Protein backbone atom coordinates (compact mmCIF):
# COMPACT_ATOMS: atom_id res chain seq x y z
CA UNK A 1 0.00 0.00 0.00
CA UNK A 2 2.89 2.34 0.73
CA UNK A 3 4.20 2.03 -2.84
CA UNK A 4 0.74 2.74 -4.24
CA UNK A 5 0.48 5.86 -2.05
CA UNK A 6 3.84 7.05 -3.35
CA UNK A 7 2.75 6.49 -6.96
CA UNK A 8 -0.53 8.34 -6.38
CA UNK A 9 1.24 11.26 -4.70
CA UNK A 10 3.68 11.50 -7.63
CA UNK A 11 0.81 11.55 -10.11
CA UNK A 12 -0.95 14.28 -8.11
CA UNK A 13 2.25 16.35 -8.01
CA UNK A 14 2.77 15.86 -11.74
CA UNK A 15 -0.84 16.88 -12.40
CA UNK A 16 -0.45 20.04 -10.33
CA UNK A 17 2.75 20.87 -12.17
CA UNK A 18 1.00 20.48 -15.52
CA UNK A 19 -1.82 22.74 -14.36
CA UNK A 20 0.66 25.44 -13.37
CA UNK A 21 2.43 25.16 -16.74
CA UNK A 22 -0.92 25.29 -18.55
CA UNK A 23 -1.99 28.44 -16.68
CA UNK A 24 1.36 30.08 -17.44
CA UNK A 25 1.06 29.22 -21.16
CA UNK A 26 -2.50 30.59 -21.24
CA UNK A 27 -1.29 33.84 -19.67
CA UNK A 28 1.50 34.14 -22.24
CA UNK A 29 -0.93 33.40 -25.08
CA UNK A 30 -3.31 36.08 -23.79
CA UNK A 31 -0.56 38.71 -23.86
CA UNK A 32 0.04 37.83 -27.52
CA UNK A 33 -3.57 37.43 -28.68
CA UNK A 34 -5.07 40.50 -27.01
CA UNK A 35 -2.97 43.10 -28.91
CA UNK A 36 -3.94 41.44 -32.19
CA UNK A 37 -7.58 41.33 -31.10
CA UNK A 38 -7.42 45.04 -30.18
CA UNK A 39 -5.83 45.98 -33.52
CA UNK A 40 -8.47 44.09 -35.52
CA UNK A 41 -11.38 45.63 -33.62
CA UNK A 42 -9.90 49.11 -33.86
CA UNK A 43 -9.36 48.79 -37.60
CA UNK A 44 -13.04 47.98 -38.12
CA UNK A 45 -14.45 51.17 -36.58
CA UNK A 46 -14.53 54.87 -37.58
CA UNK A 47 -12.22 57.27 -35.81
CA UNK A 48 -15.15 59.10 -34.19
CA UNK A 49 -16.44 55.86 -32.69
CA UNK A 50 -12.95 54.96 -31.47
CA UNK A 51 -12.47 58.32 -29.72
CA UNK A 52 -15.70 57.86 -27.77
CA UNK A 53 -14.62 54.52 -26.27
CA UNK A 54 -11.14 53.34 -27.32
CA UNK A 55 -11.28 50.05 -25.39
CA UNK A 56 -14.93 49.18 -25.98
CA UNK A 57 -16.60 47.20 -28.73
CA UNK A 58 -17.22 49.03 -32.01
CA UNK A 59 -20.52 50.87 -32.16
CA UNK A 60 -20.20 50.99 -35.94
CA UNK A 61 -18.52 48.26 -38.02
CA UNK A 62 -16.86 49.38 -41.25
CA UNK A 63 -14.13 48.45 -43.75
CA UNK A 64 -13.64 52.10 -44.67
CA UNK A 65 -10.12 52.22 -43.22
CA UNK A 66 -8.92 49.39 -45.48
CA UNK A 67 -10.57 50.94 -48.53
CA UNK A 68 -9.04 54.30 -47.64
CA UNK A 69 -5.55 52.81 -47.35
CA UNK A 70 -5.80 51.01 -50.68
CA UNK A 71 -7.36 53.91 -52.59
CA UNK A 72 -5.49 56.92 -51.25
CA UNK A 73 -2.22 55.86 -49.66
CA UNK A 74 -0.74 53.22 -51.97
CA UNK A 75 -0.85 50.35 -49.50
CA UNK A 76 -1.76 47.85 -52.22
CA UNK A 77 1.29 48.67 -54.33
CA UNK A 78 3.52 48.80 -51.26
CA UNK A 79 2.24 45.34 -50.27
CA UNK A 80 3.17 43.95 -53.69
CA UNK A 81 6.56 45.66 -53.55
CA UNK A 82 7.36 44.05 -50.20
CA UNK A 83 6.15 40.68 -51.43
CA UNK A 84 8.40 40.92 -54.49
CA UNK A 85 11.52 42.03 -52.60
CA UNK A 86 11.01 39.48 -49.82
CA UNK A 87 10.36 36.56 -52.18
CA UNK A 88 13.34 37.28 -54.44
CA UNK A 89 15.68 37.86 -51.47
CA UNK A 90 14.65 34.64 -49.72
CA UNK A 91 14.91 32.60 -52.93
CA UNK A 92 18.49 33.77 -53.54
CA UNK A 93 19.44 33.21 -49.90
CA UNK A 94 18.05 29.66 -49.90
CA UNK A 95 19.94 28.69 -53.05
CA UNK A 96 23.29 30.12 -51.94
CA UNK A 97 22.98 29.02 -48.31
CA UNK A 98 21.98 25.48 -49.35
CA UNK A 99 25.09 25.07 -51.47
CA UNK A 100 27.37 26.58 -48.83
CA UNK A 101 25.70 24.70 -45.97
CA UNK A 102 26.03 21.35 -47.75
CA UNK A 103 29.69 22.01 -48.52
CA UNK A 104 30.50 22.96 -44.94
CA UNK A 105 28.49 20.07 -43.49
CA UNK A 106 29.45 17.18 -45.78
CA UNK A 107 32.50 18.08 -47.88
CA UNK A 108 36.17 18.42 -46.84
CA UNK A 109 36.35 22.21 -47.02
CA UNK A 110 39.73 23.66 -45.95
CA UNK A 111 39.42 25.96 -42.93
CA UNK A 112 35.84 24.88 -42.25
CA UNK A 113 35.96 25.86 -38.56
CA UNK A 114 37.34 29.30 -39.36
CA UNK A 115 34.67 29.91 -42.00
CA UNK A 116 31.92 28.95 -39.55
CA UNK A 117 33.46 31.17 -36.87
CA UNK A 118 33.52 34.04 -39.36
CA UNK A 119 29.80 33.63 -40.01
CA UNK A 120 29.09 33.71 -36.27
CA UNK A 121 31.21 36.84 -35.78
CA UNK A 122 29.47 38.62 -38.67
CA UNK A 123 26.08 37.84 -37.14
CA UNK A 124 27.14 39.66 -33.97
CA UNK A 125 27.63 42.95 -35.82
CA UNK A 126 24.75 45.40 -35.18
CA UNK A 127 22.90 46.43 -38.32
CA UNK A 128 23.06 50.23 -37.81
CA UNK A 129 26.86 50.09 -37.92
CA UNK A 130 26.68 48.99 -41.57
CA UNK A 131 24.26 51.67 -42.80
CA UNK A 132 26.78 54.31 -43.91
CA UNK A 133 29.31 51.97 -45.62
CA UNK A 134 26.52 50.05 -47.35
CA UNK A 135 24.91 53.25 -48.60
CA UNK A 136 28.22 54.63 -49.91
CA UNK A 137 29.02 51.37 -51.67
CA UNK A 138 25.60 51.12 -53.32
CA UNK A 139 25.78 54.79 -54.31
CA UNK A 140 29.01 54.11 -56.19
CA UNK A 141 27.36 51.14 -57.89
CA UNK A 142 24.33 53.34 -58.72
CA UNK A 143 22.00 50.93 -56.95
CA UNK A 144 20.42 53.40 -54.52
CA UNK A 145 16.76 53.82 -55.37
CA UNK A 146 16.43 50.38 -56.99
CA UNK A 147 15.09 47.08 -55.70
CA UNK A 148 18.29 45.37 -56.85
CA UNK A 149 20.33 47.27 -54.27
CA UNK A 150 17.87 46.50 -51.47
CA UNK A 151 17.73 42.82 -52.42
CA UNK A 152 21.54 42.73 -52.47
CA UNK A 153 21.62 44.12 -48.93
CA UNK A 154 19.05 41.61 -47.67
CA UNK A 155 20.92 38.73 -49.27
CA UNK A 156 24.30 39.85 -47.92
CA UNK A 157 23.02 40.42 -44.37
CA UNK A 158 20.96 37.22 -44.33
CA UNK A 159 23.51 34.79 -45.77
CA UNK A 160 25.75 34.37 -42.67
CA UNK A 161 22.91 33.19 -40.44
CA UNK A 162 21.33 31.15 -43.25
CA UNK A 163 24.56 29.32 -44.02
CA UNK A 164 25.26 28.67 -40.35
CA UNK A 165 21.72 27.40 -39.78
CA UNK A 166 21.69 25.06 -42.78
CA UNK A 167 25.16 23.75 -41.92
CA UNK A 168 23.80 22.55 -38.60
CA UNK A 169 20.67 21.21 -40.26
CA UNK A 170 22.49 19.25 -42.98
CA UNK A 171 24.87 17.67 -40.49
CA UNK A 172 21.94 15.62 -39.24
CA UNK A 173 21.62 13.86 -42.62
CA UNK A 174 23.37 10.43 -42.42
CA UNK A 175 26.60 10.21 -44.39
CA UNK A 176 25.72 6.65 -45.39
CA UNK A 177 22.78 7.86 -47.47
CA UNK A 178 24.97 10.31 -49.38
CA UNK A 179 27.69 7.70 -49.93
CA UNK A 180 25.12 5.21 -51.24
CA UNK A 181 23.88 7.83 -53.71
CA UNK A 182 27.45 8.47 -54.90
CA UNK A 183 28.03 4.76 -55.41
CA UNK A 184 24.88 4.67 -57.54
CA UNK A 185 26.37 7.39 -59.72
CA UNK A 186 24.56 10.45 -58.38
CA UNK A 187 26.39 13.72 -58.87
CA UNK A 188 26.49 16.84 -56.72
CA UNK A 189 23.26 18.42 -57.93
CA UNK A 190 21.45 15.06 -57.99
CA UNK A 191 22.38 14.50 -54.34
CA UNK A 192 21.24 18.02 -53.48
CA UNK A 193 17.88 17.60 -55.22
CA UNK A 194 17.06 14.01 -54.23
CA UNK A 195 18.59 13.75 -50.74
CA UNK A 196 19.61 17.03 -49.16
CA UNK A 197 16.50 19.05 -49.99
CA UNK A 198 13.92 16.36 -49.01
CA UNK A 199 15.72 15.32 -45.81
CA UNK A 200 16.50 18.91 -44.85
CA UNK A 201 13.04 20.27 -45.72
CA UNK A 202 12.19 21.26 -42.13
CA UNK A 203 15.36 23.34 -41.82
CA UNK A 204 14.81 24.94 -45.22
CA UNK A 205 11.18 25.80 -44.40
CA UNK A 206 12.18 27.28 -41.05
CA UNK A 207 14.93 29.34 -42.63
CA UNK A 208 12.62 30.55 -45.41
CA UNK A 209 10.04 31.79 -42.90
CA UNK A 210 12.61 33.49 -40.66
CA UNK A 211 14.35 35.21 -43.56
CA UNK A 212 11.09 36.34 -45.13
CA UNK A 213 9.85 37.79 -41.85
CA UNK A 214 13.13 39.64 -41.45
CA UNK A 215 12.87 41.17 -44.93
CA UNK A 216 9.14 41.87 -44.56
CA UNK A 217 9.52 43.79 -41.28
CA UNK A 218 12.82 45.55 -42.05
CA UNK A 219 12.58 49.34 -42.00
CA UNK A 220 15.93 51.16 -41.90
CA UNK A 221 17.48 49.97 -45.18
CA UNK A 222 14.09 50.07 -46.93
CA UNK A 223 13.69 53.75 -46.03
CA UNK A 224 17.24 54.81 -46.87
CA UNK A 225 17.75 52.85 -50.09
CA UNK A 226 14.25 53.35 -51.58
CA UNK A 227 13.44 57.07 -51.25
CA UNK A 228 10.97 57.08 -54.15
CA UNK A 229 7.41 57.25 -52.81
CA UNK A 230 5.88 55.02 -55.49
CA UNK A 231 8.51 52.30 -54.91
CA UNK A 232 8.25 52.17 -51.13
CA UNK A 233 7.79 48.91 -49.33
CA UNK A 234 4.92 48.25 -46.94
CA UNK A 235 6.69 48.89 -43.63
CA UNK A 236 8.12 52.32 -44.59
CA UNK A 237 4.78 53.29 -46.13
CA UNK A 238 2.92 52.46 -42.94
CA UNK A 239 5.55 54.31 -40.89
CA UNK A 240 4.86 57.46 -42.89
CA UNK A 241 1.11 57.00 -42.46
CA UNK A 242 1.59 56.66 -38.72
CA UNK A 243 3.39 60.00 -38.66
CA UNK A 244 0.79 61.80 -40.77
CA UNK A 245 -2.32 60.31 -39.19
CA UNK A 246 -1.27 59.69 -35.62
CA UNK A 247 -4.66 60.78 -34.28
CA UNK A 248 -6.49 58.38 -36.62
CA UNK A 249 -5.72 55.20 -34.73
CA UNK A 250 -8.23 53.02 -36.66
CA UNK A 251 -6.47 53.88 -39.94
CA UNK A 252 -3.09 53.03 -38.44
CA UNK A 253 -4.50 49.79 -36.97
CA UNK A 254 -5.79 48.75 -40.38
CA UNK A 255 -2.28 49.20 -41.77
CA UNK A 256 -0.77 47.25 -38.89
CA UNK A 257 -3.12 44.33 -39.49
CA UNK A 258 -2.29 44.30 -43.21
CA UNK A 259 1.39 44.11 -42.29
CA UNK A 260 0.80 41.32 -39.77
CA UNK A 261 -1.45 39.26 -42.05
CA UNK A 262 1.35 37.72 -44.13
CA UNK A 263 3.50 36.68 -41.11
CA UNK A 264 0.42 35.22 -39.43
CA UNK A 265 -0.45 33.15 -42.51
CA UNK A 266 3.15 31.97 -42.89
CA UNK A 267 3.43 30.97 -39.24
CA UNK A 268 0.08 29.19 -39.34
CA UNK A 269 1.06 26.98 -42.28
CA UNK A 270 4.74 26.51 -41.40
CA UNK A 271 4.53 26.12 -37.61
CA UNK A 272 5.12 22.36 -37.83
CA UNK A 273 8.30 22.78 -39.85
CA UNK A 274 9.49 25.66 -37.68
CA UNK A 275 9.26 23.55 -34.53
CA UNK A 276 11.16 20.73 -36.21
CA UNK A 277 13.76 23.10 -37.62
CA UNK A 278 14.36 24.92 -34.32
CA UNK A 279 15.15 21.57 -32.69
CA UNK A 280 18.26 21.43 -34.86
CA UNK A 281 20.02 24.00 -32.70
CA UNK A 282 19.07 22.10 -29.53
CA UNK A 283 20.21 18.70 -30.77
CA UNK A 284 23.59 19.87 -32.10
């Protein structure tokens, strides 16, 4: 009977511990969900209704703020511009980082440890330090004011982390599988396409989401390198709207929700792969 009492007491303690963890997770989730809930509700009400009761439910429901942003402030074009720049930047990063990550993880590269250490040291550099030299370099190349220059900056700043991340991810692929493919006559690109990409899909998906979110939300380089109003990306365009219409909180909230919509969709569909990919850093 004593052993049974011990087992029961352990189960009760474990159950209490799970309840505490559950309550803590619910509290954390509430702090994340409520701001989004507030932004959505605010974006669906007129400014006059919002000023009467900022924290209450809308007295009048309307999509006028979204229509106003699309018709008068170029949010639709800015959205497409950000989508284009982010997609092209991430595509280039994935291709280059995949090749470099496979080489560092599976091939006898001279000075491999020093190369990896260089990537880590570059990642520690704060972004604002690079603004002036990057601007001067792109000005000499006549790339200021073009998407090509901004994409080049995103690729250059994203490659160190991407290569480091995929190097860790590809190290988890068994060497025996790659050797068997070589014996069967598979070349470099065949191994990449048939083995590395399928077996490293979780790491690639995680990296794609992280890099896209970084490019989507980036503000400093997008403002400095794209001064033309018609070419602006979504984040700088919304920043300018926030300055001009600071008292119109529903209009600003509508812009914030448009900005958050793409990351929310990406995270909803890729959450499974992100959790698998983030385990790479824990297991290595």
